Amino acid sequence: GGGTRNPALRAALTRTLAPAPLITFADLGWDARGFTDATREAAAFAFLGYAHAQGWPSTLPHTTGAAHAARTGKWSPAPGAS
């Protein structure tokens, strides 16, 4: 996604994570294997869609601070689609 190309976000992460280095998927060679930032973003959204269709929660109190686990998002089929 766009976050990988956002210099302000990368700089903030570098500062926040210091002294640990900011290691990217590209650093690990994933891009060279065809799993680019665009394909990672598509895979993440596909998983979120699948999780939503399964009724799985996408927010959990111990990871987000939410009051309870909740399924987020909205199923919006194209007009005329089932």
C-alpha atoms as a PDB file:
ATOM      1  CA  GLY A   1       0.000   0.000   0.000  1.00  0.00           C
ATOM      2  CA  GLY A   2       0.695   3.665   0.031  1.00  0.00           C
ATOM      3  CA  GLY A   3       2.237   3.554   3.481  1.00  0.00           C
ATOM      4  CA  THR A   4       5.377   1.978   2.080  1.00  0.00           C
ATOM      5  CA  ARG A   5       5.859   5.047  -0.099  1.00  0.00           C
ATOM      6  CA  ASN A   6       5.043   7.587   2.611  1.00  0.00           C
ATOM      7  CA  PRO A   7       8.293   9.181   3.811  1.00  0.00           C
ATOM      8  CA  ALA A   8       6.634  10.877   6.807  1.00  0.00           C
ATOM      9  CA  LEU A   9       5.173   7.577   8.021  1.00  0.00           C
ATOM     10  CA  ARG A  10       8.463   5.755   7.510  1.00  0.00           C
ATOM     11  CA  ALA A  11      10.351   8.488   9.398  1.00  0.00           C
ATOM     12  CA  ALA A  12       7.856   8.345  12.279  1.00  0.00           C
ATOM     13  CA  LEU A  13       8.159   4.564  12.467  1.00  0.00           C
ATOM     14  CA  THR A  14      11.949   4.788  12.369  1.00  0.00           C
ATOM     15  CA  ARG A  15      11.918   7.261  15.278  1.00  0.00           C
ATOM     16  CA  THR A  16       9.347   5.285  17.261  1.00  0.00           C
ATOM     17  CA  LEU A  17      11.025   1.918  16.805  1.00  0.00           C
ATOM     18  CA  ALA A  18      14.572   3.149  17.475  1.00  0.00           C
ATOM     19  CA  PRO A  19      16.968   1.668  18.290  1.00  0.00           C
ATOM     20  CA  ALA A  20      15.445  -1.283  16.424  1.00  0.00           C
ATOM     21  CA  PRO A  21      15.828  -0.888  12.664  1.00  0.00           C
ATOM     22  CA  LEU A  22      12.824  -0.482  10.382  1.00  0.00           C
ATOM     23  CA  ILE A  23      12.992  -3.591   8.212  1.00  0.00           C
ATOM     24  CA  THR A  24      10.688  -3.712   5.228  1.00  0.00           C
ATOM     25  CA  PHE A  25       9.366  -6.583   3.158  1.00  0.00           C
ATOM     26  CA  ALA A  26      11.577  -5.287   0.349  1.00  0.00           C
ATOM     27  CA  ASP A  27      14.582  -5.592   2.675  1.00  0.00           C
ATOM     28  CA  LEU A  28      13.630  -9.232   3.203  1.00  0.00           C
ATOM     29  CA  GLY A  29      13.450  -9.880  -0.538  1.00  0.00           C
ATOM     30  CA  TRP A  30       9.676 -10.273  -0.770  1.00  0.00           C
ATOM     31  CA  ASP A  31       9.328  -7.734  -3.582  1.00  0.00           C
ATOM     32  CA  ALA A  32      11.835  -9.655  -5.712  1.00  0.00           C
ATOM     33  CA  ARG A  33       9.690 -12.758  -5.235  1.00  0.00           C
ATOM     34  CA  GLY A  34       6.608 -10.969  -6.590  1.00  0.00           C
ATOM     35  CA  PHE A  35       4.947 -10.137  -3.276  1.00  0.00           C
ATOM     36  CA  THR A  36       5.068  -6.372  -3.760  1.00  0.00           C
ATOM     37  CA  ASP A  37       3.443  -3.697  -1.632  1.00  0.00           C
ATOM     38  CA  ALA A  38       0.454  -3.687  -4.000  1.00  0.00           C
ATOM     39  CA  THR A  39      -0.020  -7.460  -3.797  1.00  0.00           C
ATOM     40  CA  ARG A  40       0.374  -7.403  -0.011  1.00  0.00           C
ATOM     41  CA  GLU A  41      -2.321  -4.745   0.239  1.00  0.00           C
ATOM     42  CA  ALA A  42      -4.637  -6.733  -2.045  1.00  0.00           C
ATOM     43  CA  ALA A  43      -4.034  -9.884   0.008  1.00  0.00           C
ATOM     44  CA  ALA A  44      -4.758  -8.027   3.246  1.00  0.00           C
ATOM     45  CA  PHE A  45      -8.060  -6.663   1.936  1.00  0.00           C
ATOM     46  CA  ALA A  46      -9.004 -10.080   0.558  1.00  0.00           C
ATOM     47  CA  PHE A  47      -8.410 -11.564   4.005  1.00  0.00           C
ATOM     48  CA  LEU A  48     -10.450  -8.801   5.659  1.00  0.00           C
ATOM     49  CA  GLY A  49     -13.304  -9.475   3.230  1.00  0.00           C
ATOM     50  CA  TYR A  50     -13.144 -13.205   3.913  1.00  0.00           C
ATOM     51  CA  ALA A  51     -13.070 -12.616   7.663  1.00  0.00           C
ATOM     52  CA  HIS A  52     -16.100 -10.325   7.383  1.00  0.00           C
ATOM     53  CA  ALA A  53     -18.007 -12.929   5.335  1.00  0.00           C
ATOM     54  CA  GLN A  54     -17.194 -15.547   7.979  1.00  0.00           C
ATOM     55  CA  GLY A  55     -18.489 -13.273  10.736  1.00  0.00           C
ATOM     56  CA  TRP A  56     -15.087 -13.092  12.407  1.00  0.00           C
ATOM     57  CA  PRO A  57     -14.362 -10.008  14.497  1.00  0.00           C
ATOM     58  CA  SER A  58     -11.778  -7.628  13.132  1.00  0.00           C
ATOM     59  CA  THR A  59     -11.346  -5.640  16.319  1.00  0.00           C
ATOM     60  CA  LEU A  60     -10.305  -7.342  19.522  1.00  0.00           C
ATOM     61  CA  PRO A  61     -10.028  -5.634  22.905  1.00  0.00           C
ATOM     62  CA  HIS A  62      -6.493  -6.858  23.574  1.00  0.00           C
ATOM     63  CA  THR A  63      -5.198  -5.544  20.238  1.00  0.00           C
ATOM     64  CA  THR A  64      -7.209  -2.380  19.633  1.00  0.00           C
ATOM     65  CA  GLY A  65      -8.430  -1.264  23.040  1.00  0.00           C
ATOM     66  CA  ALA A  66     -12.030  -1.656  21.850  1.00  0.00           C
ATOM     67  CA  ALA A  67     -14.628  -2.411  24.505  1.00  0.00           C
ATOM     68  CA  HIS A  68     -15.538  -5.706  22.830  1.00  0.00           C
ATOM     69  CA  ALA A  69     -14.756  -7.818  19.789  1.00  0.00           C
ATOM     70  CA  ALA A  70     -16.649  -6.573  16.760  1.00  0.00           C
ATOM     71  CA  ARG A  71     -17.049  -7.364  13.107  1.00  0.00           C
ATOM     72  CA  THR A  72     -16.323  -4.235  11.113  1.00  0.00           C
ATOM     73  CA  GLY A  73     -16.938  -3.229   7.541  1.00  0.00           C
ATOM     74  CA  LYS A  74     -19.991  -3.496   5.358  1.00  0.00           C
ATOM     75  CA  TRP A  75     -20.951  -5.931   2.622  1.00  0.00           C
ATOM     76  CA  SER A  76     -21.914  -3.820  -0.387  1.00  0.00           C
ATOM     77  CA  PRO A  77     -22.597  -5.944  -3.466  1.00  0.00           C
ATOM     78  CA  ALA A  78     -22.826  -4.217  -6.812  1.00  0.00           C
ATOM     79  CA  PRO A  79     -26.353  -3.227  -7.885  1.00  0.00           C
ATOM     80  CA  GLY A  80     -28.075  -6.251  -9.380  1.00  0.00           C
ATOM     81  CA  ALA A  81     -25.566  -8.686  -7.865  1.00  0.00           C
ATOM     82  CA  SER A  82     -26.519 -11.182  -5.231  1.00  0.00           C
END
